[in-house]
């Protein structure tokens, strides 16, 4: 696994956050990633989630991805705003 998942929009397939829309903000290993929605799961305390419990879309937020790769600060409001614009329904 590499960091190609950073900044991708995902939907949760299992757990309390089922059908929730998130952005991958960190890659742990081949099985786990960190996800955040900027609201309940803030960037300061992202949720550790198994990849098999996520539906990974091809939607990528370039701005957030670039900030994550260069270790710049990412605002929760930027994550919320982007997810609100792309995650109106599970049409992907």
PDB file of N, CA and C in Angstrom:
ATOM      1  N   UNK A   1       0.853  -1.186   0.000  1.00  0.00           N
ATOM      2  CA  UNK A   1       0.000   0.000   0.000  1.00  0.00           C
ATOM      3  C   UNK A   1       0.885   1.230   0.000  1.00  0.00           C
ATOM      4  N   UNK A   2       0.509   2.175  -0.799  1.00  0.00           N
ATOM      5  CA  UNK A   2       1.231   3.433  -0.796  1.00  0.00           C
ATOM      6  C   UNK A   2       0.265   4.552  -0.451  1.00  0.00           C
ATOM      7  N   UNK A   3       0.711   5.761  -0.615  1.00  0.00           N
ATOM      8  CA  UNK A   3      -0.108   6.894  -0.206  1.00  0.00           C
ATOM      9  C   UNK A   3      -1.018   7.403  -1.322  1.00  0.00           C
ATOM     10  N   UNK A   4      -1.330   6.559  -2.298  1.00  0.00           N
ATOM     11  CA  UNK A   4      -2.245   6.965  -3.361  1.00  0.00           C
ATOM     12  C   UNK A   4      -3.671   7.137  -2.863  1.00  0.00           C
ATOM     13  N   UNK A   5      -3.956   6.644  -1.668  1.00  0.00           N
ATOM     14  CA  UNK A   5      -5.297   6.772  -1.107  1.00  0.00           C
ATOM     15  C   UNK A   5      -5.528   8.121  -0.434  1.00  0.00           C
ATOM     16  N   UNK A   6      -4.485   8.858  -0.132  1.00  0.00           N
ATOM     17  CA  UNK A   6      -4.642  10.138   0.568  1.00  0.00           C
ATOM     18  C   UNK A   6      -5.539  11.086  -0.216  1.00  0.00           C
ATOM     19  N   UNK A   7      -6.488  11.677   0.490  1.00  0.00           N
ATOM     20  CA  UNK A   7      -7.376  12.652  -0.126  1.00  0.00           C
ATOM     21  C   UNK A   7      -8.567  12.063  -0.851  1.00  0.00           C
ATOM     22  N   UNK A   8      -8.673  10.739  -0.922  1.00  0.00           N
ATOM     23  CA  UNK A   8      -9.802  10.107  -1.619  1.00  0.00           C
ATOM     24  C   UNK A   8     -11.047  10.122  -0.743  1.00  0.00           C
ATOM     25  N   UNK A   9     -12.184  10.266  -1.396  1.00  0.00           N
ATOM     26  CA  UNK A   9     -13.474  10.219  -0.709  1.00  0.00           C
ATOM     27  C   UNK A   9     -13.892   8.760  -0.589  1.00  0.00           C
ATOM     28  N   UNK A  10     -14.349   8.382   0.610  1.00  0.00           N
ATOM     29  CA  UNK A  10     -14.789   7.010   0.869  1.00  0.00           C
ATOM     30  C   UNK A  10     -16.132   7.027   1.588  1.00  0.00           C
ATOM     31  N   UNK A  11     -16.855   5.924   1.452  1.00  0.00           N
ATOM     32  CA  UNK A  11     -18.085   5.698   2.207  1.00  0.00           C
ATOM     33  C   UNK A  11     -17.852   4.516   3.127  1.00  0.00           C
ATOM     34  N   UNK A  12     -18.341   4.609   4.349  1.00  0.00           N
ATOM     35  CA  UNK A  12     -18.219   3.517   5.292  1.00  0.00           C
ATOM     36  C   UNK A  12     -19.275   2.461   4.988  1.00  0.00           C
ATOM     37  N   UNK A  13     -18.852   1.191   4.938  1.00  0.00           N
ATOM     38  CA  UNK A  13     -19.776   0.092   4.672  1.00  0.00           C
ATOM     39  C   UNK A  13     -20.193  -0.625   5.946  1.00  0.00           C
ATOM     40  N   UNK A  14     -19.516  -0.360   7.067  1.00  0.00           N
ATOM     41  CA  UNK A  14     -19.807  -1.079   8.299  1.00  0.00           C
ATOM     42  C   UNK A  14     -19.491  -0.207   9.509  1.00  0.00           C
ATOM     43  N   UNK A  15     -20.139  -0.547  10.614  1.00  0.00           N
ATOM     44  CA  UNK A  15     -19.884   0.171  11.858  1.00  0.00           C
ATOM     45  C   UNK A  15     -20.925   1.237  12.144  1.00  0.00           C
ATOM     46  N   UNK A  16     -20.702   1.977  13.208  1.00  0.00           N
ATOM     47  CA  UNK A  16     -21.633   3.049  13.594  1.00  0.00           C
ATOM     48  C   UNK A  16     -21.721   4.142  12.549  1.00  0.00           C
ATOM     49  N   UNK A  17     -20.647   4.309  11.819  1.00  0.00           N
ATOM     50  CA  UNK A  17     -20.594   5.371  10.809  1.00  0.00           C
ATOM     51  C   UNK A  17     -20.998   4.871   9.421  1.00  0.00           C
ATOM     52  N   UNK A  18     -21.739   3.762   9.355  1.00  0.00           N
ATOM     53  CA  UNK A  18     -22.150   3.169   8.074  1.00  0.00           C
ATOM     54  C   UNK A  18     -22.839   4.212   7.197  1.00  0.00           C
ATOM     55  N   UNK A  19     -22.503   4.208   5.908  1.00  0.00           N
ATOM     56  CA  UNK A  19     -23.014   5.136   4.893  1.00  0.00           C
ATOM     57  C   UNK A  19     -22.504   6.559   5.067  1.00  0.00           C
ATOM     58  N   UNK A  20     -21.600   6.768   5.998  1.00  0.00           N
ATOM     59  CA  UNK A  20     -21.008   8.090   6.178  1.00  0.00           C
ATOM     60  C   UNK A  20     -19.972   8.372   5.102  1.00  0.00           C
ATOM     61  N   UNK A  21     -19.793   9.640   4.802  1.00  0.00           N
ATOM     62  CA  UNK A  21     -18.855  10.081   3.781  1.00  0.00           C
ATOM     63  C   UNK A  21     -17.616  10.668   4.474  1.00  0.00           C
ATOM     64  N   UNK A  22     -16.438  10.218   4.088  1.00  0.00           N
ATOM     65  CA  UNK A  22     -15.195  10.618   4.736  1.00  0.00           C
ATOM     66  C   UNK A  22     -14.105  10.845   3.697  1.00  0.00           C
ATOM     67  N   UNK A  23     -12.994  11.421   4.160  1.00  0.00           N
ATOM     68  CA  UNK A  23     -11.785  11.553   3.348  1.00  0.00           C
ATOM     69  C   UNK A  23     -10.671  10.790   4.051  1.00  0.00           C
ATOM     70  N   UNK A  24      -9.879  10.065   3.282  1.00  0.00           N
ATOM     71  CA  UNK A  24      -8.728   9.362   3.855  1.00  0.00           C
ATOM     72  C   UNK A  24      -7.637  10.388   4.135  1.00  0.00           C
ATOM     73  N   UNK A  25      -7.242  10.487   5.404  1.00  0.00           N
ATOM     74  CA  UNK A  25      -6.245  11.480   5.804  1.00  0.00           C
ATOM     75  C   UNK A  25      -4.931  10.846   6.247  1.00  0.00           C
ATOM     76  N   UNK A  26      -4.874   9.523   6.266  1.00  0.00           N
ATOM     77  CA  UNK A  26      -3.641   8.851   6.647  1.00  0.00           C
ATOM     78  C   UNK A  26      -3.680   7.387   6.259  1.00  0.00           C
ATOM     79  N   UNK A  27      -2.523   6.837   5.937  1.00  0.00           N
ATOM     80  CA  UNK A  27      -2.402   5.427   5.584  1.00  0.00           C
ATOM     81  C   UNK A  27      -1.511   4.775   6.626  1.00  0.00           C
ATOM     82  N   UNK A  28      -2.028   3.726   7.274  1.00  0.00           N
ATOM     83  CA  UNK A  28      -1.259   3.038   8.309  1.00  0.00           C
ATOM     84  C   UNK A  28      -0.466   1.884   7.698  1.00  0.00           C
ATOM     85  N   UNK A  29      -1.174   0.973   7.042  1.00  0.00           N
ATOM     86  CA  UNK A  29      -0.529  -0.158   6.375  1.00  0.00           C
ATOM     87  C   UNK A  29      -1.451  -0.680   5.277  1.00  0.00           C
ATOM     88  N   UNK A  30      -1.277  -1.951   4.892  1.00  0.00           N
ATOM     89  CA  UNK A  30      -2.073  -2.518   3.802  1.00  0.00           C
ATOM     90  C   UNK A  30      -3.542  -2.704   4.155  1.00  0.00           C
ATOM     91  N   UNK A  31      -3.866  -2.696   5.445  1.00  0.00           N
ATOM     92  CA  UNK A  31      -5.241  -2.969   5.860  1.00  0.00           C
ATOM     93  C   UNK A  31      -5.957  -1.783   6.488  1.00  0.00           C
ATOM     94  N   UNK A  32      -5.223  -0.826   7.026  1.00  0.00           N
ATOM     95  CA  UNK A  32      -5.840   0.252   7.792  1.00  0.00           C
ATOM     96  C   UNK A  32      -5.503   1.637   7.247  1.00  0.00           C
ATOM     97  N   UNK A  33      -6.479   2.541   7.377  1.00  0.00           N
ATOM     98  CA  UNK A  33      -6.288   3.950   7.036  1.00  0.00           C
ATOM     99  C   UNK A  33      -6.949   4.791   8.126  1.00  0.00           C
ATOM    100  N   UNK A  34      -6.639   6.078   8.134  1.00  0.00           N
ATOM    101  CA  UNK A  34      -7.324   7.034   8.996  1.00  0.00           C
ATOM    102  C   UNK A  34      -8.290   7.831   8.136  1.00  0.00           C
ATOM    103  N   UNK A  35      -9.525   8.016   8.646  1.00  0.00           N
ATOM    104  CA  UNK A  35     -10.526   8.787   7.916  1.00  0.00           C
ATOM    105  C   UNK A  35     -11.048   9.924   8.782  1.00  0.00           C
ATOM    106  N   UNK A  36     -11.493  10.981   8.124  1.00  0.00           N
ATOM    107  CA  UNK A  36     -12.026  12.149   8.818  1.00  0.00           C
ATOM    108  C   UNK A  36     -13.160  12.740   7.997  1.00  0.00           C
ATOM    109  N   UNK A  37     -14.148  13.316   8.714  1.00  0.00           N
ATOM    110  CA  UNK A  37     -15.218  14.036   8.026  1.00  0.00           C
ATOM    111  C   UNK A  37     -15.228  15.512   8.401  1.00  0.00           C
ATOM    112  N   UNK A  38     -14.312  15.922   9.269  1.00  0.00           N
ATOM    113  CA  UNK A  38     -14.221  17.324   9.655  1.00  0.00           C
ATOM    114  C   UNK A  38     -15.272  17.754  10.651  1.00  0.00           C
ATOM    115  N   UNK A  39     -16.178  16.850  11.016  1.00  0.00           N
ATOM    116  CA  UNK A  39     -17.260  17.188  11.936  1.00  0.00           C
ATOM    117  C   UNK A  39     -17.197  16.281  13.164  1.00  0.00           C
ATOM    118  N   UNK A  40     -17.708  15.072  13.058  1.00  0.00           N
ATOM    119  CA  UNK A  40     -17.649  14.141  14.181  1.00  0.00           C
ATOM    120  C   UNK A  40     -16.256  13.549  14.337  1.00  0.00           C
ATOM    121  N   UNK A  41     -15.614  13.285  13.225  1.00  0.00           N
ATOM    122  CA  UNK A  41     -14.234  12.790  13.227  1.00  0.00           C
ATOM    123  C   UNK A  41     -13.339  13.877  12.670  1.00  0.00           C
ATOM    124  N   UNK A  42     -12.793  14.653  13.562  1.00  0.00           N
ATOM    125  CA  UNK A  42     -11.958  15.781  13.156  1.00  0.00           C
ATOM    126  C   UNK A  42     -10.575  15.295  12.737  1.00  0.00           C
ATOM    127  N   UNK A  43      -9.859  16.163  12.050  1.00  0.00           N
ATOM    128  CA  UNK A  43      -8.526  15.828  11.550  1.00  0.00           C
ATOM    129  C   UNK A  43      -7.549  15.575  12.705  1.00  0.00           C
ATOM    130  N   UNK A  44      -7.812  16.184  13.860  1.00  0.00           N
ATOM    131  CA  UNK A  44      -6.935  15.998  15.019  1.00  0.00           C
ATOM    132  C   UNK A  44      -7.084  14.606  15.625  1.00  0.00           C
ATOM    133  N   UNK A  45      -8.251  13.989  15.441  1.00  0.00           N
ATOM    134  CA  UNK A  45      -8.503  12.651  15.985  1.00  0.00           C
ATOM    135  C   UNK A  45      -9.269  11.820  14.956  1.00  0.00           C
ATOM    136  N   UNK A  46      -8.594  11.415  13.880  1.00  0.00           N
ATOM    137  CA  UNK A  46      -9.280  10.654  12.828  1.00  0.00           C
ATOM    138  C   UNK A  46      -9.591   9.230  13.277  1.00  0.00           C
ATOM    139  N   UNK A  47     -10.524   8.596  12.580  1.00  0.00           N
ATOM    140  CA  UNK A  47     -10.916   7.228  12.897  1.00  0.00           C
ATOM    141  C   UNK A  47     -10.044   6.242  12.136  1.00  0.00           C
ATOM    142  N   UNK A  48      -9.564   5.239  12.847  1.00  0.00           N
ATOM    143  CA  UNK A  48      -8.816   4.149  12.223  1.00  0.00           C
ATOM    144  C   UNK A  48      -9.845   3.165  11.666  1.00  0.00           C
ATOM    145  N   UNK A  49      -9.725   2.835  10.388  1.00  0.00           N
ATOM    146  CA  UNK A  49     -10.738   2.000   9.741  1.00  0.00           C
ATOM    147  C   UNK A  49     -10.076   1.007   8.799  1.00  0.00           C
ATOM    148  N   UNK A  50     -10.602  -0.209   8.758  1.00  0.00           N
ATOM    149  CA  UNK A  50     -10.108  -1.215   7.818  1.00  0.00           C
ATOM    150  C   UNK A  50     -10.569  -0.870   6.413  1.00  0.00           C
ATOM    151  N   UNK A  51      -9.690  -1.077   5.448  1.00  0.00           N
ATOM    152  CA  UNK A  51     -10.029  -0.805   4.052  1.00  0.00           C
ATOM    153  C   UNK A  51     -11.197  -1.653   3.565  1.00  0.00           C
ATOM    154  N   UNK A  52     -11.323  -2.872   4.073  1.00  0.00           N
ATOM    155  CA  UNK A  52     -12.413  -3.733   3.612  1.00  0.00           C
ATOM    156  C   UNK A  52     -13.776  -3.223   4.071  1.00  0.00           C
ATOM    157  N   UNK A  53     -13.804  -2.311   5.026  1.00  0.00           N
ATOM    158  CA  UNK A  53     -15.053  -1.719   5.495  1.00  0.00           C
ATOM    159  C   UNK A  53     -15.356  -0.392   4.817  1.00  0.00           C
ATOM    160  N   UNK A  54     -14.588  -0.047   3.790  1.00  0.00           N
ATOM    161  CA  UNK A  54     -14.776   1.221   3.087  1.00  0.00           C
ATOM    162  C   UNK A  54     -15.047   0.986   1.608  1.00  0.00           C
ATOM    163  N   UNK A  55     -15.927   1.825   1.052  1.00  0.00           N
ATOM    164  CA  UNK A  55     -16.132   1.872  -0.393  1.00  0.00           C
ATOM    165  C   UNK A  55     -15.326   3.062  -0.890  1.00  0.00           C
ATOM    166  N   UNK A  56     -14.264   2.801  -1.649  1.00  0.00           N
ATOM    167  CA  UNK A  56     -13.351   3.855  -2.087  1.00  0.00           C
ATOM    168  C   UNK A  56     -13.801   4.377  -3.444  1.00  0.00           C
ATOM    169  N   UNK A  57     -14.037   5.674  -3.525  1.00  0.00           N
ATOM    170  CA  UNK A  57     -14.447   6.295  -4.781  1.00  0.00           C
ATOM    171  C   UNK A  57     -13.216   6.792  -5.526  1.00  0.00           C
ATOM    172  N   UNK A  58     -13.428   7.282  -6.712  1.00  0.00           N
ATOM    173  CA  UNK A  58     -12.345   7.874  -7.498  1.00  0.00           C
ATOM    174  C   UNK A  58     -12.270   9.384  -7.294  1.00  0.00           C
ATOM    175  N   UNK A  59     -13.116   9.917  -6.422  1.00  0.00           N
ATOM    176  CA  UNK A  59     -13.129  11.357  -6.158  1.00  0.00           C
ATOM    177  C   UNK A  59     -11.968  11.694  -5.232  1.00  0.00           C
ATOM    178  N   UNK A  60     -11.165  12.659  -5.631  1.00  0.00           N
ATOM    179  CA  UNK A  60     -10.003  13.074  -4.841  1.00  0.00           C
ATOM    180  C   UNK A  60     -10.046  14.582  -4.661  1.00  0.00           C
ATOM    181  N   UNK A  61      -9.785  15.037  -3.446  1.00  0.00           N
ATOM    182  CA  UNK A  61      -9.648  16.469  -3.188  1.00  0.00           C
ATOM    183  C   UNK A  61      -8.162  16.803  -3.303  1.00  0.00           C
ATOM    184  N   UNK A  62      -7.790  17.391  -4.425  1.00  0.00           N
ATOM    185  CA  UNK A  62      -6.375  17.684  -4.695  1.00  0.00           C
ATOM    186  C   UNK A  62      -5.773  18.605  -3.641  1.00  0.00           C
ATOM    187  N   UNK A  63      -6.526  19.613  -3.216  1.00  0.00           N
ATOM    188  CA  UNK A  63      -6.023  20.576  -2.238  1.00  0.00           C
ATOM    189  C   UNK A  63      -5.678  19.886  -0.920  1.00  0.00           C
ATOM    190  N   UNK A  64      -6.587  19.072  -0.429  1.00  0.00           N
ATOM    191  CA  UNK A  64      -6.354  18.367   0.834  1.00  0.00           C
ATOM    192  C   UNK A  64      -5.248  17.332   0.665  1.00  0.00           C
ATOM    193  N   UNK A  65      -5.233  16.626  -0.459  1.00  0.00           N
ATOM    194  CA  UNK A  65      -4.194  15.630  -0.716  1.00  0.00           C
ATOM    195  C   UNK A  65      -2.807  16.270  -0.717  1.00  0.00           C
ATOM    196  N   UNK A  66      -2.670  17.415  -1.386  1.00  0.00           N
ATOM    197  CA  UNK A  66      -1.378  18.100  -1.430  1.00  0.00           C
ATOM    198  C   UNK A  66      -0.930  18.536  -0.042  1.00  0.00           C
ATOM    199  N   UNK A  67      -1.865  19.046   0.757  1.00  0.00           N
ATOM    200  CA  UNK A  67      -1.523  19.469   2.120  1.00  0.00           C
ATOM    201  C   UNK A  67      -1.105  18.281   2.977  1.00  0.00           C
ATOM    202  N   UNK A  68      -1.805  17.154   2.842  1.00  0.00           N
ATOM    203  CA  UNK A  68      -1.459  15.968   3.622  1.00  0.00           C
ATOM    204  C   UNK A  68      -0.086  15.433   3.234  1.00  0.00           C
ATOM    205  N   UNK A  69       0.218  15.416   1.946  1.00  0.00           N
ATOM    206  CA  UNK A  69       1.511  14.894   1.489  1.00  0.00           C
ATOM    207  C   UNK A  69       2.672  15.786   1.893  1.00  0.00           C
ATOM    208  N   UNK A  70       2.424  17.102   2.000  1.00  0.00           N
ATOM    209  CA  UNK A  70       3.496  18.019   2.383  1.00  0.00           C
ATOM    210  C   UNK A  70       3.472  18.350   3.875  1.00  0.00           C
ATOM    211  N   UNK A  71       2.647  17.628   4.639  1.00  0.00           N
ATOM    212  CA  UNK A  71       2.531  17.804   6.090  1.00  0.00           C
ATOM    213  C   UNK A  71       2.105  19.206   6.497  1.00  0.00           C
ATOM    214  N   UNK A  72       1.343  19.876   5.641  1.00  0.00           N
ATOM    215  CA  UNK A  72       0.759  21.168   6.006  1.00  0.00           C
ATOM    216  C   UNK A  72      -0.521  20.930   6.797  1.00  0.00           C
ATOM    217  N   UNK A  73      -0.955  21.960   7.511  1.00  0.00           N
ATOM    218  CA  UNK A  73      -2.175  21.859   8.311  1.00  0.00           C
ATOM    219  C   UNK A  73      -3.405  21.819   7.406  1.00  0.00           C
ATOM    220  N   UNK A  74      -4.327  20.929   7.742  1.00  0.00           N
ATOM    221  CA  UNK A  74      -5.593  20.818   7.021  1.00  0.00           C
ATOM    222  C   UNK A  74      -6.701  21.251   7.969  1.00  0.00           C
ATOM    223  N   UNK A  75      -7.568  22.128   7.504  1.00  0.00           N
ATOM    224  CA  UNK A  75      -8.668  22.630   8.333  1.00  0.00           C
ATOM    225  C   UNK A  75      -9.861  21.687   8.254  1.00  0.00           C
ATOM    226  N   UNK A  76     -10.527  21.499   9.402  1.00  0.00           N
ATOM    227  CA  UNK A  76     -11.746  20.702   9.418  1.00  0.00           C
ATOM    228  C   UNK A  76     -12.818  21.324   8.536  1.00  0.00           C
ATOM    229  N   UNK A  77     -12.844  22.650   8.493  1.00  0.00           N
ATOM    230  CA  UNK A  77     -13.856  23.327   7.674  1.00  0.00           C
ATOM    231  C   UNK A  77     -13.652  23.039   6.187  1.00  0.00           C
ATOM    232  N   UNK A  78     -12.400  22.901   5.754  1.00  0.00           N
ATOM    233  CA  UNK A  78     -12.126  22.580   4.349  1.00  0.00           C
ATOM    234  C   UNK A  78     -12.622  21.175   4.016  1.00  0.00           C
ATOM    235  N   UNK A  79     -12.439  20.246   4.940  1.00  0.00           N
ATOM    236  CA  UNK A  79     -12.919  18.879   4.736  1.00  0.00           C
ATOM    237  C   UNK A  79     -14.440  18.864   4.680  1.00  0.00           C
ATOM    238  N   UNK A  80     -15.079  19.543   5.632  1.00  0.00           N
ATOM    239  CA  UNK A  80     -16.547  19.599   5.657  1.00  0.00           C
ATOM    240  C   UNK A  80     -17.107  20.203   4.379  1.00  0.00           C
ATOM    241  N   UNK A  81     -16.513  21.301   3.951  1.00  0.00           N
ATOM    242  CA  UNK A  81     -16.993  22.000   2.756  1.00  0.00           C
ATOM    243  C   UNK A  81     -16.866  21.114   1.513  1.00  0.00           C
ATOM    244  N   UNK A  82     -15.730  20.436   1.371  1.00  0.00           N
ATOM    245  CA  UNK A  82     -15.539  19.572   0.207  1.00  0.00           C
ATOM    246  C   UNK A  82     -16.506  18.394   0.238  1.00  0.00           C
ATOM    247  N   UNK A  83     -16.641  17.748   1.397  1.00  0.00           N
ATOM    248  CA  UNK A  83     -17.539  16.602   1.486  1.00  0.00           C
ATOM    249  C   UNK A  83     -18.988  17.006   1.246  1.00  0.00           C
ATOM    250  N   UNK A  84     -19.359  18.181   1.705  1.00  0.00           N
ATOM    251  CA  UNK A  84     -20.730  18.654   1.487  1.00  0.00           C
ATOM    252  C   UNK A  84     -21.007  18.837  -0.002  1.00  0.00           C
ATOM    253  N   UNK A  85     -19.996  19.246  -0.744  1.00  0.00           N
ATOM    254  CA  UNK A  85     -20.186  19.482  -2.180  1.00  0.00           C
ATOM    255  C   UNK A  85     -20.226  18.194  -3.001  1.00  0.00           C
ATOM    256  N   UNK A  86     -19.602  17.119  -2.520  1.00  0.00           N
ATOM    257  CA  UNK A  86     -19.538  15.892  -3.323  1.00  0.00           C
ATOM    258  C   UNK A  86     -20.351  14.727  -2.766  1.00  0.00           C
ATOM    259  N   UNK A  87     -20.739  14.784  -1.518  1.00  0.00           N
ATOM    260  CA  UNK A  87     -21.390  13.628  -0.884  1.00  0.00           C
ATOM    261  C   UNK A  87     -22.865  13.865  -0.601  1.00  0.00           C
ATOM    262  N   UNK A  88     -23.597  14.336  -1.570  1.00  0.00           N
ATOM    263  CA  UNK A  88     -25.024  14.545  -1.351  1.00  0.00           C
ATOM    264  C   UNK A  88     -25.775  13.225  -1.322  1.00  0.00           C
ATOM    265  N   UNK A  89     -25.320  12.263  -2.129  1.00  0.00           N
ATOM    266  CA  UNK A  89     -25.915  10.929  -2.118  1.00  0.00           C
ATOM    267  C   UNK A  89     -24.862   9.925  -2.558  1.00  0.00           C
ATOM    268  N   UNK A  90     -25.145   8.656  -2.316  1.00  0.00           N
ATOM    269  CA  UNK A  90     -24.178   7.610  -2.674  1.00  0.00           C
ATOM    270  C   UNK A  90     -24.381   7.205  -4.127  1.00  0.00           C
ATOM    271  N   UNK A  91     -24.089   8.115  -5.022  1.00  0.00           N
ATOM    272  CA  UNK A  91     -24.307   7.880  -6.441  1.00  0.00           C
ATOM    273  C   UNK A  91     -23.059   7.415  -7.153  1.00  0.00           C
ATOM    274  N   UNK A  92     -21.950   7.318  -6.447  1.00  0.00           N
ATOM    275  CA  UNK A  92     -20.672   6.991  -7.070  1.00  0.00           C
ATOM    276  C   UNK A  92     -20.565   5.498  -7.299  1.00  0.00           C
TER     277      UNK A  92
END
